[in-house]
Amino acid sequence: QVQLVESGGGSVQAGGSLRLSCAASRSIFSWYNMGWFRQAPGKEREFVATISRSGGSNHYSDSVKGRFTISRDNAKNAVYLQMNSLKPEDTAVYYCAASDSYTIIRSLYNKWGQGTQVTVSS
């Protein structure tokens, strides 16, 4: 059974905003550091943002810092990615993931959602 499920993707014009949500089906959500990754056509999956267990620390890739904000609500077993000032280069499938470590390294995330498509037009 899928543990993490993304939602909130869609199509938006450049300069617009979207908020992605990731819902967990288990009550152990707060034990995990969480991250967002994305994969564009023909490219490998890349790091976007991460947040620590309690939400006290976070880190972003250079390409999204200042525009995206990661947050979490452990009482709701959910993590979010607020995306503002979207650019066509942000077009990708976005995935949420969970890790035992606070890290940007993709291989250290051991739980993954199925992804949600974000398309930004010029």
N, C-alpha and C. Protein backbone atom coordinates (compact mmCIF):
# COMPACT_ATOMS: atom_id res chain seq x y z
N GLN A 1 0.85 -1.19 0.00
CA GLN A 1 0.00 0.00 0.00
C GLN A 1 0.89 1.25 0.00
N VAL A 2 0.55 2.24 -0.84
CA VAL A 2 1.31 3.48 -0.93
C VAL A 2 1.15 4.27 0.37
N GLN A 3 2.28 4.68 0.92
CA GLN A 3 2.28 5.41 2.19
C GLN A 3 2.18 6.92 2.00
N LEU A 4 2.78 7.45 0.93
CA LEU A 4 2.79 8.88 0.65
C LEU A 4 2.06 9.16 -0.65
N VAL A 5 1.16 10.14 -0.63
CA VAL A 5 0.35 10.48 -1.80
C VAL A 5 0.39 11.98 -2.03
N GLU A 6 0.91 12.40 -3.20
CA GLU A 6 0.99 13.81 -3.55
C GLU A 6 -0.30 14.28 -4.22
N SER A 7 -0.59 15.58 -4.07
CA SER A 7 -1.71 16.20 -4.74
C SER A 7 -1.41 17.69 -4.92
N GLY A 8 -2.20 18.37 -5.73
CA GLY A 8 -2.06 19.80 -5.92
C GLY A 8 -1.38 20.22 -7.19
N GLY A 9 -0.88 19.26 -7.98
CA GLY A 9 -0.25 19.60 -9.24
C GLY A 9 -1.27 20.07 -10.26
N GLY A 10 -0.76 20.63 -11.36
CA GLY A 10 -1.63 21.13 -12.41
C GLY A 10 -0.87 22.00 -13.37
N SER A 11 -1.61 22.75 -14.18
CA SER A 11 -1.04 23.64 -15.18
C SER A 11 -1.25 25.09 -14.77
N VAL A 12 -0.19 25.89 -14.88
CA VAL A 12 -0.24 27.29 -14.47
C VAL A 12 0.65 28.11 -15.39
N GLN A 13 0.33 29.39 -15.57
CA GLN A 13 1.17 30.27 -16.37
C GLN A 13 2.36 30.77 -15.57
N ALA A 14 3.42 31.14 -16.28
CA ALA A 14 4.62 31.67 -15.63
C ALA A 14 4.26 32.85 -14.72
N GLY A 15 4.86 32.85 -13.53
CA GLY A 15 4.58 33.88 -12.54
C GLY A 15 3.49 33.49 -11.56
N GLY A 16 2.79 32.40 -11.82
CA GLY A 16 1.72 31.95 -10.96
C GLY A 16 2.22 31.12 -9.79
N SER A 17 1.27 30.59 -9.01
CA SER A 17 1.60 29.83 -7.80
C SER A 17 0.81 28.53 -7.74
N LEU A 18 1.40 27.55 -7.07
CA LEU A 18 0.74 26.29 -6.76
C LEU A 18 1.20 25.84 -5.38
N ARG A 19 0.35 25.07 -4.69
CA ARG A 19 0.74 24.45 -3.44
C ARG A 19 0.56 22.94 -3.55
N LEU A 20 1.65 22.21 -3.40
CA LEU A 20 1.62 20.76 -3.42
C LEU A 20 1.45 20.23 -2.00
N SER A 21 0.69 19.14 -1.86
CA SER A 21 0.50 18.49 -0.58
C SER A 21 0.94 17.04 -0.67
N CYS A 22 1.42 16.50 0.43
CA CYS A 22 1.80 15.10 0.52
C CYS A 22 1.19 14.55 1.80
N ALA A 23 0.30 13.58 1.67
CA ALA A 23 -0.40 13.00 2.81
C ALA A 23 0.15 11.61 3.12
N ALA A 24 0.44 11.37 4.39
CA ALA A 24 0.93 10.07 4.85
C ALA A 24 -0.20 9.29 5.49
N SER A 25 -0.18 7.97 5.30
CA SER A 25 -1.26 7.12 5.80
C SER A 25 -0.97 6.50 7.16
N ARG A 26 0.21 6.78 7.74
CA ARG A 26 0.61 6.18 9.00
C ARG A 26 0.89 7.23 10.06
N SER A 27 0.68 6.84 11.33
CA SER A 27 0.85 7.75 12.45
C SER A 27 2.30 7.99 12.84
N ILE A 28 3.26 7.31 12.20
CA ILE A 28 4.68 7.48 12.49
C ILE A 28 5.31 8.60 11.67
N PHE A 29 4.51 9.39 10.98
CA PHE A 29 5.00 10.44 10.09
C PHE A 29 6.03 11.35 10.75
N SER A 30 5.81 11.75 12.00
CA SER A 30 6.67 12.72 12.66
C SER A 30 8.08 12.21 12.92
N TRP A 31 8.33 10.91 12.80
CA TRP A 31 9.67 10.34 12.96
C TRP A 31 10.58 10.65 11.77
N TYR A 32 10.02 11.04 10.64
CA TYR A 32 10.79 11.15 9.40
C TYR A 32 11.10 12.59 9.02
N ASN A 33 12.33 12.79 8.53
CA ASN A 33 12.63 13.98 7.76
C ASN A 33 11.97 13.84 6.39
N MET A 34 11.50 14.94 5.82
CA MET A 34 10.78 14.89 4.56
C MET A 34 11.46 15.74 3.50
N GLY A 35 11.28 15.34 2.25
CA GLY A 35 11.86 16.09 1.15
C GLY A 35 10.96 16.11 -0.07
N TRP A 36 11.23 17.07 -0.95
CA TRP A 36 10.60 17.15 -2.26
C TRP A 36 11.68 17.04 -3.33
N PHE A 37 11.42 16.23 -4.35
CA PHE A 37 12.28 16.07 -5.51
C PHE A 37 11.44 16.27 -6.77
N ARG A 38 12.10 16.50 -7.90
CA ARG A 38 11.37 16.65 -9.15
C ARG A 38 12.16 16.02 -10.29
N GLN A 39 11.44 15.61 -11.33
CA GLN A 39 12.06 14.98 -12.49
C GLN A 39 11.42 15.51 -13.76
N ALA A 40 12.20 16.19 -14.58
CA ALA A 40 11.76 16.71 -15.86
C ALA A 40 12.01 15.67 -16.94
N PRO A 41 11.30 15.74 -18.07
CA PRO A 41 11.50 14.77 -19.15
C PRO A 41 12.95 14.71 -19.60
N GLY A 42 13.50 13.49 -19.68
CA GLY A 42 14.86 13.29 -20.14
C GLY A 42 15.94 13.60 -19.12
N LYS A 43 15.57 13.94 -17.88
CA LYS A 43 16.54 14.27 -16.86
C LYS A 43 16.37 13.38 -15.63
N GLU A 44 17.40 13.33 -14.80
CA GLU A 44 17.34 12.55 -13.57
C GLU A 44 16.59 13.32 -12.50
N ARG A 45 16.09 12.57 -11.52
CA ARG A 45 15.37 13.18 -10.41
C ARG A 45 16.32 14.04 -9.58
N GLU A 46 15.91 15.28 -9.28
CA GLU A 46 16.78 16.21 -8.58
C GLU A 46 16.15 16.72 -7.29
N PHE A 47 17.00 17.08 -6.35
CA PHE A 47 16.57 17.60 -5.06
C PHE A 47 15.95 18.97 -5.21
N VAL A 48 14.88 19.22 -4.43
CA VAL A 48 14.22 20.52 -4.41
C VAL A 48 14.28 21.16 -3.03
N ALA A 49 13.80 20.43 -2.00
CA ALA A 49 13.74 20.99 -0.65
C ALA A 49 13.63 19.87 0.37
N THR A 50 14.06 20.14 1.60
CA THR A 50 13.94 19.19 2.69
C THR A 50 13.60 19.91 3.98
N ILE A 51 12.98 19.20 4.92
CA ILE A 51 12.59 19.75 6.21
C ILE A 51 12.80 18.69 7.28
N SER A 52 13.26 19.13 8.46
CA SER A 52 13.56 18.20 9.55
C SER A 52 12.28 17.72 10.24
N ARG A 53 12.44 16.78 11.17
CA ARG A 53 11.29 16.13 11.81
C ARG A 53 10.29 17.09 12.43
N SER A 54 10.79 18.06 13.18
CA SER A 54 9.92 19.01 13.86
C SER A 54 9.62 20.25 13.03
N GLY A 55 10.26 20.37 11.87
CA GLY A 55 10.08 21.54 11.03
C GLY A 55 11.01 22.69 11.37
N GLY A 56 11.97 22.48 12.28
CA GLY A 56 12.84 23.55 12.72
C GLY A 56 13.96 23.91 11.76
N SER A 57 14.28 23.01 10.82
CA SER A 57 15.34 23.26 9.85
C SER A 57 14.85 22.92 8.46
N ASN A 58 15.36 23.64 7.46
CA ASN A 58 15.04 23.33 6.07
C ASN A 58 16.17 23.77 5.16
N HIS A 59 16.16 23.27 3.93
CA HIS A 59 17.19 23.57 2.96
C HIS A 59 16.59 23.46 1.56
N TYR A 60 17.06 24.33 0.64
CA TYR A 60 16.53 24.38 -0.71
C TYR A 60 17.64 24.32 -1.75
N SER A 61 17.31 23.82 -2.94
CA SER A 61 18.24 23.90 -4.05
C SER A 61 18.36 25.36 -4.50
N ASP A 62 19.49 25.69 -5.12
CA ASP A 62 19.72 27.06 -5.56
C ASP A 62 18.67 27.52 -6.57
N SER A 63 18.15 26.60 -7.35
CA SER A 63 17.22 26.96 -8.41
C SER A 63 15.84 27.39 -7.90
N VAL A 64 15.49 27.03 -6.65
CA VAL A 64 14.16 27.35 -6.14
C VAL A 64 14.17 28.25 -4.91
N LYS A 65 15.32 28.45 -4.28
CA LYS A 65 15.36 29.24 -3.05
C LYS A 65 14.88 30.66 -3.31
N GLY A 66 14.10 31.18 -2.37
CA GLY A 66 13.48 32.48 -2.52
C GLY A 66 12.13 32.43 -3.18
N ARG A 67 11.79 31.30 -3.81
CA ARG A 67 10.50 31.16 -4.50
C ARG A 67 9.63 30.07 -3.89
N PHE A 68 10.25 28.98 -3.41
CA PHE A 68 9.52 27.84 -2.86
C PHE A 68 9.67 27.82 -1.34
N THR A 69 8.64 27.29 -0.64
CA THR A 69 8.68 27.14 0.80
C THR A 69 8.16 25.76 1.18
N ILE A 70 8.95 24.99 1.93
CA ILE A 70 8.52 23.69 2.42
C ILE A 70 8.04 23.85 3.86
N SER A 71 6.97 23.13 4.21
CA SER A 71 6.43 23.17 5.57
C SER A 71 5.81 21.82 5.89
N ARG A 72 5.50 21.60 7.17
CA ARG A 72 4.86 20.34 7.55
C ARG A 72 3.91 20.57 8.71
N ASP A 73 2.92 19.69 8.82
CA ASP A 73 1.97 19.69 9.91
C ASP A 73 1.89 18.25 10.40
N ASN A 74 2.64 17.95 11.46
CA ASN A 74 2.71 16.57 11.94
C ASN A 74 1.38 16.07 12.49
N ALA A 75 0.55 16.97 13.01
CA ALA A 75 -0.77 16.57 13.51
C ALA A 75 -1.67 16.07 12.38
N LYS A 76 -1.42 16.54 11.16
CA LYS A 76 -2.19 16.12 10.00
C LYS A 76 -1.45 15.11 9.13
N ASN A 77 -0.26 14.69 9.54
CA ASN A 77 0.57 13.76 8.76
C ASN A 77 0.76 14.27 7.33
N ALA A 78 1.16 15.53 7.20
CA ALA A 78 1.25 16.14 5.87
C ALA A 78 2.47 17.05 5.75
N VAL A 79 3.01 17.12 4.53
CA VAL A 79 4.07 18.04 4.18
C VAL A 79 3.63 18.81 2.94
N TYR A 80 4.06 20.08 2.82
CA TYR A 80 3.60 20.94 1.75
C TYR A 80 4.78 21.59 1.04
N LEU A 81 4.55 21.98 -0.21
CA LEU A 81 5.51 22.77 -0.97
C LEU A 81 4.75 23.91 -1.63
N GLN A 82 4.93 25.12 -1.10
CA GLN A 82 4.34 26.32 -1.69
C GLN A 82 5.28 26.83 -2.76
N MET A 83 4.80 26.94 -4.00
CA MET A 83 5.62 27.34 -5.13
C MET A 83 5.09 28.66 -5.69
N ASN A 84 5.90 29.71 -5.60
CA ASN A 84 5.54 31.02 -6.11
C ASN A 84 6.47 31.41 -7.25
N SER A 85 6.06 32.41 -8.02
CA SER A 85 6.85 32.92 -9.15
C SER A 85 7.34 31.78 -10.04
N LEU A 86 6.44 30.91 -10.41
CA LEU A 86 6.80 29.72 -11.18
C LEU A 86 7.34 30.09 -12.57
N LYS A 87 8.30 29.29 -13.01
CA LYS A 87 8.95 29.47 -14.31
C LYS A 87 8.75 28.22 -15.15
N PRO A 88 8.81 28.33 -16.48
CA PRO A 88 8.70 27.14 -17.32
C PRO A 88 9.70 26.04 -16.96
N GLU A 89 10.88 26.40 -16.49
CA GLU A 89 11.89 25.43 -16.12
C GLU A 89 11.52 24.63 -14.87
N ASP A 90 10.46 25.04 -14.16
CA ASP A 90 9.97 24.28 -13.01
C ASP A 90 9.09 23.10 -13.44
N THR A 91 8.76 23.00 -14.71
CA THR A 91 7.91 21.92 -15.21
C THR A 91 8.57 20.57 -14.95
N ALA A 92 7.85 19.69 -14.25
CA ALA A 92 8.39 18.38 -13.88
C ALA A 92 7.32 17.60 -13.13
N VAL A 93 7.61 16.32 -12.88
CA VAL A 93 6.84 15.53 -11.93
C VAL A 93 7.48 15.72 -10.56
N TYR A 94 6.69 16.11 -9.57
CA TYR A 94 7.19 16.37 -8.23
C TYR A 94 6.85 15.21 -7.30
N TYR A 95 7.84 14.77 -6.53
CA TYR A 95 7.70 13.65 -5.62
C TYR A 95 8.00 14.07 -4.18
N CYS A 96 7.22 13.59 -3.23
CA CYS A 96 7.60 13.72 -1.83
C CYS A 96 8.24 12.42 -1.37
N ALA A 97 9.10 12.51 -0.36
CA ALA A 97 9.84 11.35 0.11
C ALA A 97 10.19 11.51 1.59
N ALA A 98 10.45 10.38 2.26
CA ALA A 98 10.78 10.36 3.68
C ALA A 98 12.13 9.70 3.90
N SER A 99 12.87 10.20 4.90
CA SER A 99 14.20 9.69 5.21
C SER A 99 14.43 9.65 6.71
N ASP A 100 15.30 8.73 7.15
CA ASP A 100 15.75 8.72 8.54
C ASP A 100 16.73 9.84 8.82
N SER A 101 17.28 10.45 7.76
CA SER A 101 18.28 11.50 7.87
C SER A 101 17.78 12.82 7.31
N TYR A 102 18.32 13.92 7.81
CA TYR A 102 18.07 15.25 7.25
C TYR A 102 19.12 15.44 6.17
N THR A 103 18.72 15.29 4.90
CA THR A 103 19.70 15.17 3.83
C THR A 103 19.13 15.61 2.49
N ILE A 104 20.02 15.97 1.55
CA ILE A 104 19.64 16.27 0.18
C ILE A 104 19.93 15.09 -0.75
N ILE A 105 20.49 14.01 -0.22
CA ILE A 105 20.93 12.87 -1.03
C ILE A 105 19.75 11.96 -1.33
N ARG A 106 19.44 11.81 -2.60
CA ARG A 106 18.27 11.06 -3.05
C ARG A 106 18.26 9.61 -2.56
N SER A 107 19.42 8.95 -2.56
CA SER A 107 19.49 7.54 -2.21
C SER A 107 19.20 7.27 -0.74
N LEU A 108 19.21 8.29 0.10
CA LEU A 108 18.94 8.13 1.52
C LEU A 108 17.47 8.28 1.86
N TYR A 109 16.65 8.56 0.89
CA TYR A 109 15.20 8.59 1.09
C TYR A 109 14.64 7.21 0.75
N ASN A 110 13.95 6.59 1.70
CA ASN A 110 13.51 5.21 1.55
C ASN A 110 12.00 5.03 1.37
N LYS A 111 11.25 6.11 1.39
CA LYS A 111 9.81 6.06 1.11
C LYS A 111 9.48 7.15 0.11
N TRP A 112 8.70 6.81 -0.91
CA TRP A 112 8.39 7.74 -2.00
C TRP A 112 6.91 7.72 -2.35
N GLY A 113 6.39 8.89 -2.71
CA GLY A 113 5.06 8.96 -3.30
C GLY A 113 5.12 8.66 -4.78
N GLN A 114 3.97 8.70 -5.44
CA GLN A 114 3.87 8.37 -6.86
C GLN A 114 4.09 9.56 -7.78
N GLY A 115 4.10 10.77 -7.24
CA GLY A 115 4.38 11.95 -8.02
C GLY A 115 3.14 12.68 -8.49
N THR A 116 3.29 13.99 -8.73
CA THR A 116 2.22 14.81 -9.28
C THR A 116 2.82 15.77 -10.32
N GLN A 117 2.14 15.93 -11.45
CA GLN A 117 2.66 16.71 -12.56
C GLN A 117 2.43 18.20 -12.35
N VAL A 118 3.49 18.99 -12.57
CA VAL A 118 3.41 20.45 -12.57
C VAL A 118 3.87 20.94 -13.93
N THR A 119 3.03 21.71 -14.61
CA THR A 119 3.35 22.25 -15.92
C THR A 119 3.22 23.77 -15.89
N VAL A 120 4.29 24.47 -16.25
CA VAL A 120 4.31 25.93 -16.24
C VAL A 120 4.50 26.42 -17.67
N SER A 121 3.56 27.19 -18.18
CA SER A 121 3.61 27.69 -19.54
C SER A 121 4.06 29.15 -19.55
N SER A 122 4.69 29.57 -20.64
CA SER A 122 5.16 30.93 -20.78
C SER A 122 4.07 31.86 -21.25
